[in-house]
N, C-alpha and C. Protein backbone atom coordinates (compact mmCIF):
# COMPACT_ATOMS: atom_id res chain seq x y z
N UNK A 1 156.24 90.07 109.05
CA UNK A 1 154.86 90.21 108.62
C UNK A 1 154.17 88.85 108.59
N UNK A 2 154.91 87.81 108.10
CA UNK A 2 154.35 86.47 108.05
C UNK A 2 154.00 85.97 109.44
N UNK A 3 154.89 86.26 110.40
CA UNK A 3 154.64 85.82 111.78
C UNK A 3 153.38 86.47 112.33
N UNK A 4 153.17 87.75 112.00
CA UNK A 4 151.99 88.46 112.48
C UNK A 4 150.72 87.84 111.90
N UNK A 5 150.74 87.50 110.62
CA UNK A 5 149.57 86.89 109.99
C UNK A 5 149.30 85.52 110.59
N UNK A 6 150.33 84.71 110.75
CA UNK A 6 150.17 83.37 111.33
C UNK A 6 149.69 83.48 112.77
N UNK A 7 150.27 84.38 113.53
CA UNK A 7 149.87 84.57 114.93
C UNK A 7 148.42 85.02 115.02
N UNK A 8 148.03 85.97 114.17
CA UNK A 8 146.65 86.47 114.17
C UNK A 8 145.68 85.36 113.79
N UNK A 9 146.01 84.57 112.79
CA UNK A 9 145.14 83.47 112.36
C UNK A 9 145.01 82.41 113.47
N UNK A 10 146.12 82.11 114.12
CA UNK A 10 146.09 81.12 115.20
C UNK A 10 145.24 81.63 116.37
N UNK A 11 145.39 82.91 116.70
CA UNK A 11 144.61 83.49 117.80
C UNK A 11 143.11 83.47 117.46
N UNK A 12 142.79 83.82 116.22
CA UNK A 12 141.38 83.81 115.80
C UNK A 12 140.79 82.40 115.88
N UNK A 13 141.57 81.41 115.50
CA UNK A 13 141.10 80.02 115.57
C UNK A 13 140.86 79.59 117.01
N UNK A 14 141.73 80.00 117.89
CA UNK A 14 141.59 79.63 119.31
C UNK A 14 140.37 80.30 119.91
N UNK A 15 140.18 81.58 119.61
CA UNK A 15 139.04 82.33 120.16
C UNK A 15 137.73 81.79 119.61
N UNK A 16 137.68 81.41 118.36
CA UNK A 16 136.44 80.94 117.74
C UNK A 16 136.10 79.51 118.13
N UNK A 17 137.06 78.73 118.52
CA UNK A 17 136.84 77.31 118.82
C UNK A 17 135.77 77.07 119.88
N UNK A 18 135.74 77.77 121.01
CA UNK A 18 134.71 77.47 122.01
C UNK A 18 133.28 77.64 121.50
N UNK A 19 133.06 78.54 120.56
CA UNK A 19 131.72 78.74 120.04
C UNK A 19 131.23 77.53 119.26
N UNK A 20 132.14 76.78 118.67
CA UNK A 20 131.74 75.63 117.87
C UNK A 20 132.04 74.30 118.55
N UNK A 21 132.71 74.34 119.69
CA UNK A 21 133.17 73.11 120.33
C UNK A 21 132.02 72.22 120.77
N UNK A 22 130.99 72.79 121.36
CA UNK A 22 129.90 71.97 121.86
C UNK A 22 128.76 71.89 120.87
N UNK A 23 128.10 70.76 120.81
CA UNK A 23 126.95 70.60 119.94
C UNK A 23 125.72 70.28 120.78
N UNK A 24 125.73 70.77 122.01
CA UNK A 24 124.64 70.49 122.93
C UNK A 24 123.57 71.57 122.78
N UNK A 25 122.53 71.27 122.03
CA UNK A 25 121.45 72.21 121.82
C UNK A 25 120.18 71.72 122.50
N UNK A 26 120.34 70.86 123.49
CA UNK A 26 119.17 70.26 124.14
C UNK A 26 118.28 71.29 124.84
N UNK A 27 118.84 72.42 125.26
CA UNK A 27 118.04 73.42 125.96
C UNK A 27 117.34 74.40 125.05
N UNK A 28 117.54 74.28 123.74
CA UNK A 28 116.94 75.24 122.81
C UNK A 28 115.60 74.73 122.29
N UNK A 29 114.65 75.63 122.19
CA UNK A 29 113.33 75.31 121.64
C UNK A 29 113.40 75.53 120.13
N UNK A 30 113.56 74.48 119.37
CA UNK A 30 113.73 74.58 117.93
C UNK A 30 112.39 74.68 117.19
N UNK A 31 111.28 74.48 117.88
CA UNK A 31 109.98 74.54 117.22
C UNK A 31 109.38 75.94 117.27
N UNK A 32 109.94 76.83 118.06
CA UNK A 32 109.38 78.17 118.18
C UNK A 32 109.65 78.98 116.93
N UNK A 33 108.64 79.73 116.49
CA UNK A 33 108.80 80.60 115.33
C UNK A 33 109.36 81.93 115.82
N UNK A 34 110.20 82.57 115.02
CA UNK A 34 110.73 83.87 115.43
C UNK A 34 109.61 84.89 115.53
N UNK A 35 109.74 85.81 116.45
CA UNK A 35 108.71 86.84 116.61
C UNK A 35 108.81 87.83 115.47
N UNK A 36 107.74 88.55 115.24
CA UNK A 36 107.72 89.54 114.16
C UNK A 36 108.77 90.61 114.40
N UNK A 37 109.04 90.95 115.65
CA UNK A 37 110.04 91.97 115.95
C UNK A 37 111.42 91.53 115.50
N UNK A 38 111.72 90.25 115.61
CA UNK A 38 113.02 89.76 115.21
C UNK A 38 113.14 89.65 113.70
N UNK A 39 112.03 89.37 113.03
CA UNK A 39 112.04 89.18 111.59
C UNK A 39 112.07 90.52 110.86
N UNK A 40 111.26 91.48 111.31
CA UNK A 40 111.22 92.77 110.64
C UNK A 40 112.43 93.60 111.03
N UNK A 41 112.78 94.53 110.15
CA UNK A 41 113.90 95.39 110.45
C UNK A 41 113.45 96.52 111.38
N UNK A 42 114.41 97.24 111.92
CA UNK A 42 114.14 98.30 112.87
C UNK A 42 113.23 99.36 112.24
N UNK A 43 112.08 99.66 112.86
CA UNK A 43 111.14 100.61 112.29
C UNK A 43 111.46 102.07 112.61
N UNK A 44 112.63 102.35 113.12
CA UNK A 44 112.99 103.71 113.53
C UNK A 44 112.99 104.67 112.34
N UNK A 45 112.69 105.92 112.64
CA UNK A 45 112.72 106.98 111.63
C UNK A 45 114.05 107.71 111.71
N UNK A 46 114.48 108.25 110.59
CA UNK A 46 115.75 108.96 110.49
C UNK A 46 115.49 110.42 110.16
N UNK A 47 116.23 111.32 110.82
CA UNK A 47 116.12 112.75 110.52
C UNK A 47 116.67 113.04 109.14
N UNK A 48 115.97 113.95 108.41
CA UNK A 48 116.40 114.30 107.07
C UNK A 48 115.91 115.70 106.74
N UNK A 49 116.47 116.26 105.67
CA UNK A 49 116.04 117.55 105.15
C UNK A 49 115.72 117.38 103.67
N UNK A 50 114.59 117.94 103.24
CA UNK A 50 114.20 117.87 101.84
C UNK A 50 115.09 118.82 101.04
N UNK A 51 115.79 118.29 100.05
CA UNK A 51 116.65 119.11 99.20
C UNK A 51 115.98 119.42 97.86
N UNK A 52 115.15 118.48 97.38
CA UNK A 52 114.48 118.68 96.09
C UNK A 52 113.25 117.77 96.04
N UNK A 53 112.20 118.27 95.40
CA UNK A 53 110.98 117.49 95.20
C UNK A 53 110.69 117.48 93.71
N UNK A 54 110.56 116.30 93.13
CA UNK A 54 110.25 116.16 91.71
C UNK A 54 108.92 115.41 91.58
N UNK A 55 107.83 116.19 91.47
CA UNK A 55 106.49 115.61 91.42
C UNK A 55 106.30 114.75 90.16
N UNK A 56 106.95 115.10 89.07
CA UNK A 56 106.78 114.36 87.82
C UNK A 56 107.28 112.92 87.93
N UNK A 57 108.38 112.72 88.66
CA UNK A 57 108.94 111.37 88.79
C UNK A 57 108.60 110.71 90.12
N UNK A 58 108.05 111.49 91.07
CA UNK A 58 107.74 110.94 92.39
C UNK A 58 108.98 110.75 93.24
N UNK A 59 110.03 111.51 92.92
CA UNK A 59 111.30 111.40 93.65
C UNK A 59 111.46 112.57 94.61
N UNK A 60 112.03 112.27 95.78
CA UNK A 60 112.35 113.28 96.78
C UNK A 60 113.83 113.12 97.13
N UNK A 61 114.58 114.21 97.00
CA UNK A 61 116.00 114.18 97.36
C UNK A 61 116.12 114.59 98.82
N UNK A 62 116.79 113.74 99.59
CA UNK A 62 116.94 113.94 101.03
C UNK A 62 118.41 114.05 101.41
N UNK A 63 118.70 114.94 102.34
CA UNK A 63 119.98 114.93 103.05
C UNK A 63 119.65 114.24 104.36
N UNK A 64 120.11 112.99 104.51
CA UNK A 64 119.63 112.16 105.61
C UNK A 64 120.76 111.66 106.50
N UNK A 65 120.38 111.26 107.70
CA UNK A 65 121.30 110.60 108.61
C UNK A 65 121.47 109.15 108.19
N UNK A 66 122.18 108.39 109.00
CA UNK A 66 122.43 106.98 108.69
C UNK A 66 121.11 106.21 108.62
N UNK A 67 120.98 105.40 107.58
CA UNK A 67 119.81 104.53 107.41
C UNK A 67 120.26 103.12 107.75
N UNK A 68 120.21 102.81 109.03
CA UNK A 68 120.75 101.55 109.54
C UNK A 68 120.12 100.32 108.88
N UNK A 69 118.81 100.36 108.65
CA UNK A 69 118.12 99.17 108.13
C UNK A 69 118.50 98.83 106.70
N UNK A 70 119.02 99.80 105.94
CA UNK A 70 119.47 99.50 104.58
C UNK A 70 120.98 99.64 104.43
N UNK A 71 121.66 99.86 105.57
CA UNK A 71 123.12 99.91 105.58
C UNK A 71 123.70 101.10 104.85
N UNK A 72 123.06 102.25 104.97
CA UNK A 72 123.53 103.43 104.25
C UNK A 72 124.01 104.51 105.22
N UNK A 73 125.21 105.04 105.00
CA UNK A 73 125.70 106.13 105.85
C UNK A 73 124.99 107.43 105.51
N UNK A 74 125.17 108.47 106.33
CA UNK A 74 124.56 109.77 106.02
C UNK A 74 125.04 110.28 104.66
N UNK A 75 124.11 110.84 103.89
CA UNK A 75 124.44 111.40 102.57
C UNK A 75 123.23 112.13 102.02
N UNK A 76 123.37 112.67 100.82
CA UNK A 76 122.26 113.28 100.10
C UNK A 76 121.97 112.41 98.89
N UNK A 77 120.69 112.01 98.76
CA UNK A 77 120.32 111.07 97.69
C UNK A 77 118.83 111.19 97.40
N UNK A 78 118.44 110.89 96.16
CA UNK A 78 117.03 110.89 95.75
C UNK A 78 116.42 109.52 96.00
N UNK A 79 115.20 109.53 96.51
CA UNK A 79 114.45 108.30 96.79
C UNK A 79 113.08 108.39 96.17
N UNK A 80 112.55 107.25 95.77
CA UNK A 80 111.18 107.16 95.27
C UNK A 80 110.24 107.26 96.46
N UNK A 81 109.19 108.08 96.34
CA UNK A 81 108.17 108.17 97.38
C UNK A 81 107.18 107.03 97.19
N UNK A 82 106.71 106.48 98.32
CA UNK A 82 105.76 105.36 98.27
C UNK A 82 104.50 105.76 97.50
N UNK A 83 104.04 106.99 97.69
CA UNK A 83 102.85 107.44 96.99
C UNK A 83 102.92 108.94 96.70
N UNK A 84 102.04 109.41 95.82
CA UNK A 84 102.04 110.81 95.38
C UNK A 84 101.72 111.77 96.52
N UNK A 85 100.98 111.33 97.51
CA UNK A 85 100.62 112.20 98.63
C UNK A 85 101.87 112.68 99.37
N UNK A 86 102.88 111.82 99.50
CA UNK A 86 104.12 112.21 100.16
C UNK A 86 104.79 113.37 99.42
N UNK A 87 104.81 113.26 98.10
CA UNK A 87 105.46 114.29 97.28
C UNK A 87 104.75 115.63 97.42
N UNK A 88 103.44 115.59 97.53
CA UNK A 88 102.65 116.82 97.62
C UNK A 88 102.74 117.51 98.97
N UNK A 89 103.08 116.77 100.02
CA UNK A 89 103.07 117.36 101.36
C UNK A 89 104.38 118.02 101.79
N UNK A 90 105.44 117.88 100.99
CA UNK A 90 106.73 118.44 101.39
C UNK A 90 107.26 119.43 100.37
N UNK A 91 108.17 120.29 100.86
CA UNK A 91 108.80 121.31 100.03
C UNK A 91 110.28 121.37 100.37
N UNK A 92 111.05 121.91 99.44
CA UNK A 92 112.49 122.07 99.66
C UNK A 92 112.73 122.84 100.97
N UNK A 93 113.64 122.31 101.77
CA UNK A 93 113.99 122.93 103.05
C UNK A 93 113.25 122.36 104.25
N UNK A 94 112.17 121.61 104.02
CA UNK A 94 111.42 121.01 105.13
C UNK A 94 112.30 120.02 105.89
N UNK A 95 112.16 120.02 107.21
CA UNK A 95 112.80 119.02 108.07
C UNK A 95 111.78 117.91 108.25
N UNK A 96 112.24 116.67 108.04
CA UNK A 96 111.35 115.52 108.11
C UNK A 96 112.02 114.36 108.84
N UNK A 97 111.23 113.37 109.16
CA UNK A 97 111.73 112.07 109.65
C UNK A 97 111.21 111.04 108.67
N UNK A 98 112.08 110.15 108.24
CA UNK A 98 111.71 109.19 107.20
C UNK A 98 112.07 107.77 107.56
N UNK A 99 111.37 106.86 106.91
CA UNK A 99 111.68 105.44 106.95
C UNK A 99 111.90 105.00 105.51
N UNK A 100 113.12 104.58 105.19
CA UNK A 100 113.47 104.12 103.86
C UNK A 100 113.57 102.60 103.89
N UNK A 101 113.00 101.94 102.89
CA UNK A 101 113.11 100.49 102.79
C UNK A 101 113.43 100.10 101.36
N UNK A 102 114.03 98.94 101.21
CA UNK A 102 114.34 98.40 99.89
C UNK A 102 113.11 97.65 99.40
N UNK A 103 112.44 98.19 98.38
CA UNK A 103 111.24 97.58 97.82
C UNK A 103 111.56 97.14 96.39
N UNK A 104 111.67 95.86 96.20
CA UNK A 104 111.97 95.29 94.88
C UNK A 104 113.23 95.92 94.27
N UNK A 105 114.23 96.15 95.09
CA UNK A 105 115.50 96.69 94.62
C UNK A 105 115.56 98.20 94.54
N UNK A 106 114.46 98.88 94.90
CA UNK A 106 114.43 100.35 94.87
C UNK A 106 114.32 100.89 96.29
N UNK A 107 115.22 101.79 96.66
CA UNK A 107 115.12 102.41 97.97
C UNK A 107 113.95 103.39 97.93
N UNK A 108 112.96 103.13 98.79
CA UNK A 108 111.68 103.83 98.75
C UNK A 108 111.36 104.45 100.09
N UNK A 109 110.84 105.68 100.08
CA UNK A 109 110.37 106.33 101.30
C UNK A 109 109.03 105.70 101.66
N UNK A 110 109.02 104.93 102.74
CA UNK A 110 107.80 104.23 103.15
C UNK A 110 106.99 105.06 104.15
N UNK A 111 107.68 105.90 104.90
CA UNK A 111 107.00 106.73 105.90
C UNK A 111 107.71 108.07 105.95
N UNK A 112 106.95 109.14 106.03
CA UNK A 112 107.51 110.48 106.05
C UNK A 112 106.69 111.34 107.00
N UNK A 113 107.36 111.96 107.96
CA UNK A 113 106.69 112.84 108.93
C UNK A 113 107.38 114.19 108.91
N UNK A 114 106.61 115.26 108.68
CA UNK A 114 107.17 116.60 108.73
C UNK A 114 107.43 116.99 110.18
N UNK A 115 108.54 117.68 110.40
CA UNK A 115 108.88 118.18 111.73
C UNK A 115 108.47 119.63 111.84
N UNK A 116 108.12 120.04 113.04
CA UNK A 116 107.70 121.45 113.22
C UNK A 116 108.87 122.35 113.46
């Protein structure tokens, strides 16, 4: 087991070395600002189904697919709606597409589109 760990560590060091070996960055434009597309997270919508709507708290429970931008696997979970209009437009059982974002530490539905 020790040999396997040592061998794996040695192999990883050898493979990683070329990435750090050269310090020639002369061809890179270091003054360019990153584009908005690179800075913002993926704006894609995720398929979901409304499981519960709680108008009093502004929460919508969704059975959703993977939310790549917040690193969440598919599951069923309640999210805060960005505004009251979202809560009013959906009902239990509706199929929707959503965009969830982390807003001040709260996972929030930022965009919601009902599917036909």
